[in-house]
Amino acid sequence: MKILVGYDGSEAADAAADLACIHAKDFSADVIMITSVEGGKASYGINMEEAEKKLAIAGKRLMENGISVDTQLLSRGFGPGEDIIKFSMEENVDLIYIGVKKRSKMDKILFGSNAQFIILNAPCPVMTVKQK
C-alpha cells in the first residue's frame, strides 16, 4: 500500500502526517510526503528553503517511528491541489492524507480550497484530518 501525505507545514498537516504514520504501521504501507511549491512560494507563502526544512523535519519524525517515507519538494508550476492529484496518479497512490482547517467563505472565494479540489478530483480515497 502507498500513502501520500500532502504537507504544507501547518498544524493540520502535522495531524494528517501523524494519522498517516499510525495507518502506515497498521497496513505496512510506504509513505510519500510531498510539499508543492509554486513560483518559488509554498502554498501558504513560505519560501522554498523553509518548506524544504519543514518537510525534512516531518519526514524524520515518521522515520523515527519506523515508517518508510520518501519526502519530495515539488516545484512543477501547478497549484498544491493539482500537484497532489497529478502526483498521486503518477505514483499509483492508494490513499491521500491532507490536513484541513476552517476558512471563511471569502477566503475560499479569493484563494480557492486545495482540500476541496483534492477531495473532488482524487483518483483514490482521501482522508481529511482537521486541525486540533
N, C-alpha and C. Protein backbone atom coordinates (compact mmCIF):
# COMPACT_ATOMS: atom_id res chain seq x y z
N MET A 1 0.85 -1.18 0.00
CA MET A 1 0.00 0.00 0.00
C MET A 1 0.89 1.24 0.00
N LYS A 2 0.44 2.26 -0.73
CA LYS A 2 1.18 3.50 -0.85
C LYS A 2 0.30 4.65 -0.38
N ILE A 3 0.80 5.40 0.61
CA ILE A 3 0.07 6.53 1.19
C ILE A 3 0.79 7.82 0.82
N LEU A 4 0.03 8.81 0.39
CA LEU A 4 0.57 10.13 0.10
C LEU A 4 0.08 11.11 1.16
N VAL A 5 0.98 11.90 1.71
CA VAL A 5 0.61 12.96 2.65
C VAL A 5 0.94 14.29 1.99
N GLY A 6 -0.09 15.12 1.80
CA GLY A 6 0.13 16.48 1.32
C GLY A 6 0.54 17.32 2.52
N TYR A 7 1.75 17.88 2.49
CA TYR A 7 2.29 18.55 3.67
C TYR A 7 2.66 19.99 3.37
N ASP A 8 2.11 20.92 4.17
CA ASP A 8 2.43 22.33 3.99
C ASP A 8 3.02 22.98 5.24
N GLY A 9 3.34 22.17 6.24
CA GLY A 9 3.95 22.70 7.46
C GLY A 9 2.98 23.20 8.49
N SER A 10 1.70 23.14 8.22
CA SER A 10 0.69 23.63 9.17
C SER A 10 0.40 22.59 10.26
N GLU A 11 -0.29 23.02 11.30
CA GLU A 11 -0.68 22.10 12.36
C GLU A 11 -1.61 21.01 11.81
N ALA A 12 -2.47 21.39 10.89
CA ALA A 12 -3.39 20.42 10.28
C ALA A 12 -2.60 19.38 9.48
N ALA A 13 -1.57 19.81 8.77
CA ALA A 13 -0.73 18.88 8.02
C ALA A 13 0.03 17.96 8.96
N ASP A 14 0.48 18.48 10.11
CA ASP A 14 1.13 17.63 11.11
C ASP A 14 0.18 16.56 11.62
N ALA A 15 -1.08 16.95 11.86
CA ALA A 15 -2.08 15.99 12.32
C ALA A 15 -2.33 14.92 11.26
N ALA A 16 -2.36 15.31 9.99
CA ALA A 16 -2.54 14.34 8.91
C ALA A 16 -1.36 13.39 8.83
N ALA A 17 -0.15 13.92 8.99
CA ALA A 17 1.06 13.08 8.96
C ALA A 17 1.07 12.10 10.13
N ASP A 18 0.63 12.56 11.31
CA ASP A 18 0.58 11.68 12.48
C ASP A 18 -0.39 10.52 12.25
N LEU A 19 -1.56 10.81 11.69
CA LEU A 19 -2.54 9.76 11.42
C LEU A 19 -2.03 8.82 10.33
N ALA A 20 -1.41 9.37 9.31
CA ALA A 20 -0.83 8.54 8.24
C ALA A 20 0.22 7.60 8.82
N CYS A 21 0.98 8.07 9.79
CA CYS A 21 2.00 7.25 10.44
C CYS A 21 1.36 6.05 11.14
N ILE A 22 0.30 6.29 11.85
CA ILE A 22 -0.42 5.21 12.55
C ILE A 22 -0.93 4.19 11.55
N HIS A 23 -1.58 4.67 10.49
CA HIS A 23 -2.15 3.77 9.50
C HIS A 23 -1.07 3.06 8.69
N ALA A 24 0.04 3.73 8.43
CA ALA A 24 1.14 3.09 7.71
C ALA A 24 1.69 1.90 8.51
N LYS A 25 1.78 2.06 9.82
CA LYS A 25 2.22 0.95 10.68
C LYS A 25 1.22 -0.20 10.60
N ASP A 26 -0.06 0.12 10.72
CA ASP A 26 -1.11 -0.90 10.72
C ASP A 26 -1.18 -1.67 9.40
N PHE A 27 -0.94 -0.98 8.28
CA PHE A 27 -1.09 -1.60 6.97
C PHE A 27 0.25 -1.89 6.27
N SER A 28 1.36 -1.74 7.00
CA SER A 28 2.70 -1.93 6.42
C SER A 28 2.84 -1.15 5.12
N ALA A 29 2.44 0.08 5.15
CA ALA A 29 2.43 0.93 3.96
C ALA A 29 3.68 1.79 3.87
N ASP A 30 4.01 2.17 2.66
CA ASP A 30 5.05 3.16 2.41
C ASP A 30 4.38 4.52 2.33
N VAL A 31 5.08 5.55 2.80
CA VAL A 31 4.53 6.90 2.80
C VAL A 31 5.37 7.79 1.90
N ILE A 32 4.68 8.56 1.09
CA ILE A 32 5.31 9.62 0.31
C ILE A 32 4.74 10.92 0.85
N MET A 33 5.61 11.79 1.32
CA MET A 33 5.17 13.08 1.86
C MET A 33 5.66 14.16 0.91
N ILE A 34 4.72 14.95 0.39
CA ILE A 34 5.10 15.98 -0.58
C ILE A 34 4.68 17.36 -0.11
N THR A 35 5.49 18.32 -0.49
CA THR A 35 5.15 19.73 -0.37
C THR A 35 5.24 20.29 -1.78
N SER A 36 4.20 20.97 -2.19
CA SER A 36 4.16 21.57 -3.52
C SER A 36 4.43 23.06 -3.41
N VAL A 37 5.42 23.53 -4.15
CA VAL A 37 5.71 24.96 -4.19
C VAL A 37 5.47 25.45 -5.60
N GLU A 38 4.97 26.64 -5.69
CA GLU A 38 4.60 27.20 -7.00
C GLU A 38 5.27 28.55 -7.15
N GLY A 39 6.05 28.72 -8.18
CA GLY A 39 6.68 30.01 -8.43
C GLY A 39 7.60 30.46 -7.31
N GLY A 40 8.26 29.52 -6.65
CA GLY A 40 9.19 29.87 -5.58
C GLY A 40 8.52 30.11 -4.24
N LYS A 41 7.22 30.01 -4.18
CA LYS A 41 6.50 30.21 -2.92
C LYS A 41 5.71 28.96 -2.60
N ALA A 42 5.69 28.58 -1.34
CA ALA A 42 4.85 27.46 -0.93
C ALA A 42 3.41 27.93 -0.86
N SER A 43 2.50 26.99 -0.70
CA SER A 43 1.08 27.32 -0.76
C SER A 43 0.65 28.33 0.29
N TYR A 44 1.37 28.45 1.38
CA TYR A 44 0.98 29.40 2.41
C TYR A 44 2.00 30.51 2.56
N GLY A 45 2.75 30.79 1.49
CA GLY A 45 3.61 31.96 1.47
C GLY A 45 4.98 31.78 2.11
N ILE A 46 5.38 30.58 2.44
CA ILE A 46 6.72 30.38 2.97
C ILE A 46 7.68 30.14 1.82
N ASN A 47 8.95 30.44 2.00
CA ASN A 47 9.89 30.27 0.90
C ASN A 47 10.31 28.81 0.75
N MET A 48 10.99 28.52 -0.33
CA MET A 48 11.35 27.13 -0.65
C MET A 48 12.25 26.51 0.41
N GLU A 49 13.20 27.28 0.92
CA GLU A 49 14.11 26.74 1.92
C GLU A 49 13.36 26.36 3.19
N GLU A 50 12.44 27.20 3.60
CA GLU A 50 11.65 26.92 4.79
C GLU A 50 10.74 25.71 4.56
N ALA A 51 10.14 25.62 3.37
CA ALA A 51 9.28 24.48 3.04
C ALA A 51 10.09 23.19 3.07
N GLU A 52 11.29 23.22 2.51
CA GLU A 52 12.15 22.04 2.48
C GLU A 52 12.55 21.61 3.89
N LYS A 53 12.85 22.58 4.73
CA LYS A 53 13.25 22.30 6.12
C LYS A 53 12.10 21.66 6.90
N LYS A 54 10.90 22.23 6.78
CA LYS A 54 9.73 21.68 7.47
C LYS A 54 9.40 20.27 6.98
N LEU A 55 9.53 20.06 5.68
CA LEU A 55 9.26 18.74 5.10
C LEU A 55 10.26 17.71 5.63
N ALA A 56 11.52 18.09 5.71
CA ALA A 56 12.55 17.18 6.22
C ALA A 56 12.29 16.81 7.69
N ILE A 57 11.90 17.78 8.48
CA ILE A 57 11.61 17.53 9.90
C ILE A 57 10.43 16.58 10.04
N ALA A 58 9.38 16.82 9.26
CA ALA A 58 8.20 15.95 9.32
C ALA A 58 8.54 14.53 8.85
N GLY A 59 9.33 14.42 7.79
CA GLY A 59 9.74 13.11 7.30
C GLY A 59 10.57 12.36 8.32
N LYS A 60 11.46 13.08 8.98
CA LYS A 60 12.31 12.46 10.01
C LYS A 60 11.46 11.92 11.16
N ARG A 61 10.42 12.66 11.51
CA ARG A 61 9.52 12.23 12.59
C ARG A 61 8.87 10.89 12.25
N LEU A 62 8.46 10.71 11.01
CA LEU A 62 7.86 9.45 10.59
C LEU A 62 8.91 8.33 10.57
N MET A 63 10.10 8.64 10.08
CA MET A 63 11.17 7.63 10.04
C MET A 63 11.54 7.15 11.44
N GLU A 64 11.53 8.07 12.40
CA GLU A 64 11.85 7.71 13.78
C GLU A 64 10.80 6.76 14.36
N ASN A 65 9.62 6.73 13.75
CA ASN A 65 8.56 5.82 14.16
C ASN A 65 8.55 4.53 13.33
N GLY A 66 9.62 4.32 12.57
CA GLY A 66 9.76 3.07 11.82
C GLY A 66 9.00 3.03 10.51
N ILE A 67 8.63 4.18 9.98
CA ILE A 67 7.87 4.25 8.73
C ILE A 67 8.82 4.52 7.56
N SER A 68 8.64 3.79 6.47
CA SER A 68 9.37 4.05 5.24
C SER A 68 8.75 5.29 4.59
N VAL A 69 9.50 6.37 4.52
CA VAL A 69 8.95 7.62 3.98
C VAL A 69 9.90 8.23 2.97
N ASP A 70 9.31 8.71 1.90
CA ASP A 70 10.03 9.42 0.85
C ASP A 70 9.49 10.84 0.85
N THR A 71 10.34 11.83 1.11
CA THR A 71 9.89 13.23 1.10
C THR A 71 10.30 13.86 -0.22
N GLN A 72 9.38 14.65 -0.78
CA GLN A 72 9.65 15.31 -2.04
C GLN A 72 9.10 16.72 -2.04
N LEU A 73 9.94 17.65 -2.43
CA LEU A 73 9.53 19.03 -2.61
C LEU A 73 9.29 19.22 -4.11
N LEU A 74 8.05 19.45 -4.48
CA LEU A 74 7.69 19.57 -5.90
C LEU A 74 7.58 21.04 -6.30
N SER A 75 8.15 21.37 -7.41
CA SER A 75 8.03 22.71 -7.97
C SER A 75 7.81 22.53 -9.47
N ARG A 76 6.56 22.21 -9.82
CA ARG A 76 6.26 21.86 -11.21
C ARG A 76 5.32 22.86 -11.88
N GLY A 77 5.05 23.97 -11.19
CA GLY A 77 4.21 25.01 -11.78
C GLY A 77 2.72 24.82 -11.58
N PHE A 78 2.33 23.81 -10.82
CA PHE A 78 0.91 23.58 -10.53
C PHE A 78 0.58 24.13 -9.15
N GLY A 79 -0.70 24.39 -8.91
CA GLY A 79 -1.15 24.71 -7.56
C GLY A 79 -1.04 23.46 -6.70
N PRO A 80 -1.02 23.60 -5.37
CA PRO A 80 -0.86 22.45 -4.49
C PRO A 80 -1.89 21.34 -4.70
N GLY A 81 -3.15 21.71 -4.88
CA GLY A 81 -4.19 20.69 -5.08
C GLY A 81 -3.97 19.91 -6.36
N GLU A 82 -3.70 20.62 -7.44
CA GLU A 82 -3.47 19.97 -8.72
C GLU A 82 -2.21 19.12 -8.69
N ASP A 83 -1.18 19.61 -8.02
CA ASP A 83 0.08 18.86 -7.90
C ASP A 83 -0.14 17.54 -7.16
N ILE A 84 -0.91 17.57 -6.08
CA ILE A 84 -1.18 16.35 -5.31
C ILE A 84 -1.95 15.35 -6.17
N ILE A 85 -2.92 15.82 -6.92
CA ILE A 85 -3.70 14.92 -7.78
C ILE A 85 -2.81 14.30 -8.85
N LYS A 86 -2.06 15.12 -9.56
CA LYS A 86 -1.19 14.61 -10.63
C LYS A 86 -0.16 13.63 -10.07
N PHE A 87 0.45 13.98 -8.96
CA PHE A 87 1.47 13.13 -8.36
C PHE A 87 0.87 11.80 -7.90
N SER A 88 -0.32 11.85 -7.32
CA SER A 88 -0.96 10.61 -6.85
C SER A 88 -1.27 9.67 -8.02
N MET A 89 -1.61 10.23 -9.16
CA MET A 89 -1.86 9.40 -10.35
C MET A 89 -0.55 8.82 -10.88
N GLU A 90 0.49 9.64 -10.93
CA GLU A 90 1.79 9.19 -11.43
C GLU A 90 2.36 8.06 -10.58
N GLU A 91 2.13 8.13 -9.27
CA GLU A 91 2.72 7.17 -8.35
C GLU A 91 1.77 6.04 -7.94
N ASN A 92 0.56 6.02 -8.52
CA ASN A 92 -0.43 4.99 -8.18
C ASN A 92 -0.66 4.89 -6.68
N VAL A 93 -0.93 6.02 -6.07
CA VAL A 93 -1.15 6.10 -4.63
C VAL A 93 -2.50 5.47 -4.27
N ASP A 94 -2.54 4.79 -3.14
CA ASP A 94 -3.76 4.12 -2.68
C ASP A 94 -4.63 5.00 -1.77
N LEU A 95 -4.01 5.96 -1.09
CA LEU A 95 -4.73 6.78 -0.12
C LEU A 95 -3.99 8.10 0.07
N ILE A 96 -4.74 9.19 0.12
CA ILE A 96 -4.17 10.52 0.32
C ILE A 96 -4.62 11.06 1.68
N TYR A 97 -3.68 11.63 2.42
CA TYR A 97 -3.99 12.30 3.69
C TYR A 97 -3.70 13.78 3.53
N ILE A 98 -4.66 14.60 3.93
CA ILE A 98 -4.46 16.05 3.91
C ILE A 98 -5.02 16.64 5.19
N GLY A 99 -4.41 17.71 5.64
CA GLY A 99 -4.93 18.45 6.79
C GLY A 99 -5.87 19.53 6.29
N VAL A 100 -6.92 19.77 7.06
CA VAL A 100 -7.88 20.81 6.69
C VAL A 100 -8.09 21.72 7.88
N LYS A 101 -8.41 22.96 7.58
CA LYS A 101 -8.76 23.90 8.64
C LYS A 101 -9.90 24.76 8.15
N LYS A 102 -10.66 25.27 9.07
CA LYS A 102 -11.82 26.09 8.73
C LYS A 102 -11.35 27.41 8.11
N ARG A 103 -12.01 27.74 7.01
CA ARG A 103 -11.72 29.01 6.33
C ARG A 103 -13.03 29.73 6.08
N SER A 104 -12.97 31.03 6.03
CA SER A 104 -14.17 31.81 5.76
C SER A 104 -14.57 31.64 4.30
N LYS A 105 -15.81 31.97 4.00
CA LYS A 105 -16.29 31.90 2.62
C LYS A 105 -15.48 32.83 1.73
N MET A 106 -15.11 33.99 2.26
CA MET A 106 -14.33 34.95 1.47
C MET A 106 -12.95 34.38 1.15
N ASP A 107 -12.31 33.71 2.11
CA ASP A 107 -11.01 33.07 1.84
C ASP A 107 -11.14 32.04 0.72
N LYS A 108 -12.22 31.26 0.77
CA LYS A 108 -12.42 30.24 -0.26
C LYS A 108 -12.62 30.87 -1.63
N ILE A 109 -13.35 31.98 -1.67
CA ILE A 109 -13.58 32.67 -2.94
C ILE A 109 -12.28 33.24 -3.48
N LEU A 110 -11.50 33.90 -2.61
CA LEU A 110 -10.27 34.54 -3.04
C LEU A 110 -9.15 33.56 -3.34
N PHE A 111 -9.00 32.55 -2.50
CA PHE A 111 -7.85 31.66 -2.61
C PHE A 111 -8.19 30.25 -3.06
N GLY A 112 -9.47 29.94 -3.15
CA GLY A 112 -9.86 28.57 -3.51
C GLY A 112 -9.66 27.64 -2.32
N SER A 113 -9.95 26.39 -2.54
CA SER A 113 -9.77 25.40 -1.49
C SER A 113 -9.03 24.20 -2.07
N ASN A 114 -7.78 24.06 -1.69
CA ASN A 114 -6.99 22.91 -2.15
C ASN A 114 -7.62 21.61 -1.68
N ALA A 115 -8.09 21.60 -0.43
CA ALA A 115 -8.70 20.38 0.11
C ALA A 115 -9.91 19.97 -0.71
N GLN A 116 -10.77 20.90 -1.02
CA GLN A 116 -11.96 20.59 -1.82
C GLN A 116 -11.57 20.07 -3.19
N PHE A 117 -10.59 20.69 -3.81
CA PHE A 117 -10.13 20.25 -5.13
C PHE A 117 -9.61 18.81 -5.07
N ILE A 118 -8.83 18.52 -4.03
CA ILE A 118 -8.26 17.17 -3.88
C ILE A 118 -9.37 16.15 -3.65
N ILE A 119 -10.29 16.45 -2.75
CA ILE A 119 -11.38 15.53 -2.43
C ILE A 119 -12.20 15.21 -3.68
N LEU A 120 -12.50 16.22 -4.47
CA LEU A 120 -13.35 16.03 -5.64
C LEU A 120 -12.65 15.40 -6.84
N ASN A 121 -11.32 15.50 -6.90
CA ASN A 121 -10.60 15.04 -8.09
C ASN A 121 -9.64 13.88 -7.86
N ALA A 122 -9.48 13.45 -6.64
CA ALA A 122 -8.51 12.39 -6.35
C ALA A 122 -8.91 11.07 -7.00
N PRO A 123 -7.91 10.31 -7.46
CA PRO A 123 -8.18 9.01 -8.06
C PRO A 123 -8.30 7.89 -7.03
N CYS A 124 -8.22 8.26 -5.75
CA CYS A 124 -8.26 7.27 -4.67
C CYS A 124 -8.94 7.93 -3.45
N PRO A 125 -9.19 7.17 -2.40
CA PRO A 125 -9.79 7.76 -1.20
C PRO A 125 -8.90 8.86 -0.60
N VAL A 126 -9.55 9.83 0.03
CA VAL A 126 -8.85 10.94 0.68
C VAL A 126 -9.27 10.98 2.14
N MET A 127 -8.29 10.98 3.03
CA MET A 127 -8.54 11.10 4.46
C MET A 127 -8.24 12.53 4.85
N THR A 128 -9.25 13.26 5.30
CA THR A 128 -9.03 14.63 5.76
C THR A 128 -8.92 14.62 7.28
N VAL A 129 -7.98 15.37 7.78
CA VAL A 129 -7.73 15.45 9.21
C VAL A 129 -7.83 16.90 9.60
N LYS A 130 -8.73 17.20 10.54
CA LYS A 130 -8.90 18.59 10.90
C LYS A 130 -7.92 19.00 11.98
N GLN A 131 -7.60 20.27 11.93
CA GLN A 131 -6.66 20.85 12.87
C GLN A 131 -7.23 20.75 14.28
N LYS A 132 -6.37 20.37 15.21
CA LYS A 132 -6.81 20.23 16.60
C LYS A 132 -7.01 21.55 17.27
